[in-house]
């Protein structure tokens, strides 16, 4: 499986916001739509800090 967990980092603290993310789509300036394996979705504002595909971990950072 190729899904990743997405974390939101604010004040140097990482918080898991969505598991098993299958796609991330840009939806405007610094805005992304996360799409889960089971069809769930979430819109989040931030910047991409790190994508580690081997660890299945994506970190979005607060602006």
C-alpha atoms as a PDB file:
ATOM      1  CA  UNK A   1       0.000   0.000   0.000  1.00  0.00           C
ATOM      2  CA  UNK A   2       1.199   3.518  -0.750  1.00  0.00           C
ATOM      3  CA  UNK A   3      -0.875   5.571   1.667  1.00  0.00           C
ATOM      4  CA  UNK A   4       0.742   8.026   4.039  1.00  0.00           C
ATOM      5  CA  UNK A   5      -0.154   9.689   7.303  1.00  0.00           C
ATOM      6  CA  UNK A   6      -0.340  13.478   7.265  1.00  0.00           C
ATOM      7  CA  UNK A   7       0.803  15.535  10.229  1.00  0.00           C
ATOM      8  CA  UNK A   8       0.256  19.254  10.844  1.00  0.00           C
ATOM      9  CA  UNK A   9       3.172  21.007  12.534  1.00  0.00           C
ATOM     10  CA  UNK A  10       2.526  24.121  14.587  1.00  0.00           C
ATOM     11  CA  UNK A  11       4.885  25.606  17.194  1.00  0.00           C
ATOM     12  CA  UNK A  12       7.266  22.666  16.581  1.00  0.00           C
ATOM     13  CA  UNK A  13       4.564  20.165  17.596  1.00  0.00           C
ATOM     14  CA  UNK A  14       3.389  17.544  15.079  1.00  0.00           C
ATOM     15  CA  UNK A  15      -0.239  16.424  15.261  1.00  0.00           C
ATOM     16  CA  UNK A  16      -1.643  13.555  13.190  1.00  0.00           C
ATOM     17  CA  UNK A  17      -4.531  14.981  11.178  1.00  0.00           C
ATOM     18  CA  UNK A  18      -5.319  12.165   8.732  1.00  0.00           C
ATOM     19  CA  UNK A  19      -4.306   8.538   8.270  1.00  0.00           C
ATOM     20  CA  UNK A  20      -4.165   6.529   5.042  1.00  0.00           C
ATOM     21  CA  UNK A  21      -4.038   9.533   2.715  1.00  0.00           C
ATOM     22  CA  UNK A  22      -4.053   8.374  -0.900  1.00  0.00           C
ATOM     23  CA  UNK A  23      -3.888  11.793  -2.639  1.00  0.00           C
ATOM     24  CA  UNK A  24      -3.054  15.427  -1.944  1.00  0.00           C
ATOM     25  CA  UNK A  25      -4.394  18.005  -4.390  1.00  0.00           C
ATOM     26  CA  UNK A  26      -3.450  21.707  -4.422  1.00  0.00           C
ATOM     27  CA  UNK A  27      -6.603  23.820  -4.002  1.00  0.00           C
ATOM     28  CA  UNK A  28      -5.174  27.343  -4.069  1.00  0.00           C
ATOM     29  CA  UNK A  29      -2.313  29.208  -2.510  1.00  0.00           C
ATOM     30  CA  UNK A  30      -1.052  27.169   0.465  1.00  0.00           C
ATOM     31  CA  UNK A  31      -4.266  25.112   0.520  1.00  0.00           C
ATOM     32  CA  UNK A  32      -4.474  21.367  -0.043  1.00  0.00           C
ATOM     33  CA  UNK A  33      -7.244  18.783  -0.176  1.00  0.00           C
ATOM     34  CA  UNK A  34      -6.318  15.495   1.480  1.00  0.00           C
ATOM     35  CA  UNK A  35      -8.177  12.456   0.158  1.00  0.00           C
ATOM     36  CA  UNK A  36      -8.306   9.289   2.188  1.00  0.00           C
ATOM     37  CA  UNK A  37      -8.327   5.690   1.100  1.00  0.00           C
ATOM     38  CA  UNK A  38     -11.997   5.293   2.055  1.00  0.00           C
ATOM     39  CA  UNK A  39     -13.188   8.471   0.293  1.00  0.00           C
ATOM     40  CA  UNK A  40     -12.969  10.926   3.174  1.00  0.00           C
ATOM     41  CA  UNK A  41     -11.488  14.348   2.463  1.00  0.00           C
ATOM     42  CA  UNK A  42     -10.151  17.335   4.368  1.00  0.00           C
ATOM     43  CA  UNK A  43      -9.039  20.809   3.329  1.00  0.00           C
ATOM     44  CA  UNK A  44      -5.981  22.192   5.103  1.00  0.00           C
ATOM     45  CA  UNK A  45      -3.980  25.402   4.827  1.00  0.00           C
ATOM     46  CA  UNK A  46      -0.211  25.283   5.284  1.00  0.00           C
ATOM     47  CA  UNK A  47       3.038  24.608   3.492  1.00  0.00           C
ATOM     48  CA  UNK A  48       4.708  21.299   2.790  1.00  0.00           C
ATOM     49  CA  UNK A  49       7.650  20.883   5.131  1.00  0.00           C
ATOM     50  CA  UNK A  50       8.597  17.274   4.430  1.00  0.00           C
ATOM     51  CA  UNK A  51       7.483  14.272   2.398  1.00  0.00           C
ATOM     52  CA  UNK A  52       9.034  10.951   3.402  1.00  0.00           C
ATOM     53  CA  UNK A  53       7.568   8.244   1.192  1.00  0.00           C
ATOM     54  CA  UNK A  54       9.660   5.496   2.758  1.00  0.00           C
ATOM     55  CA  UNK A  55       8.205   6.318   6.190  1.00  0.00           C
ATOM     56  CA  UNK A  56       4.731   7.049   4.735  1.00  0.00           C
ATOM     57  CA  UNK A  57       4.806  10.454   6.491  1.00  0.00           C
ATOM     58  CA  UNK A  58       3.916  13.913   5.165  1.00  0.00           C
ATOM     59  CA  UNK A  59       4.322  17.035   7.286  1.00  0.00           C
ATOM     60  CA  UNK A  60       2.395  20.216   6.546  1.00  0.00           C
ATOM     61  CA  UNK A  61       3.486  23.270   8.507  1.00  0.00           C
ATOM     62  CA  UNK A  62       1.359  26.161   9.746  1.00  0.00           C
ATOM     63  CA  UNK A  63       1.938  29.488   8.015  1.00  0.00           C
END
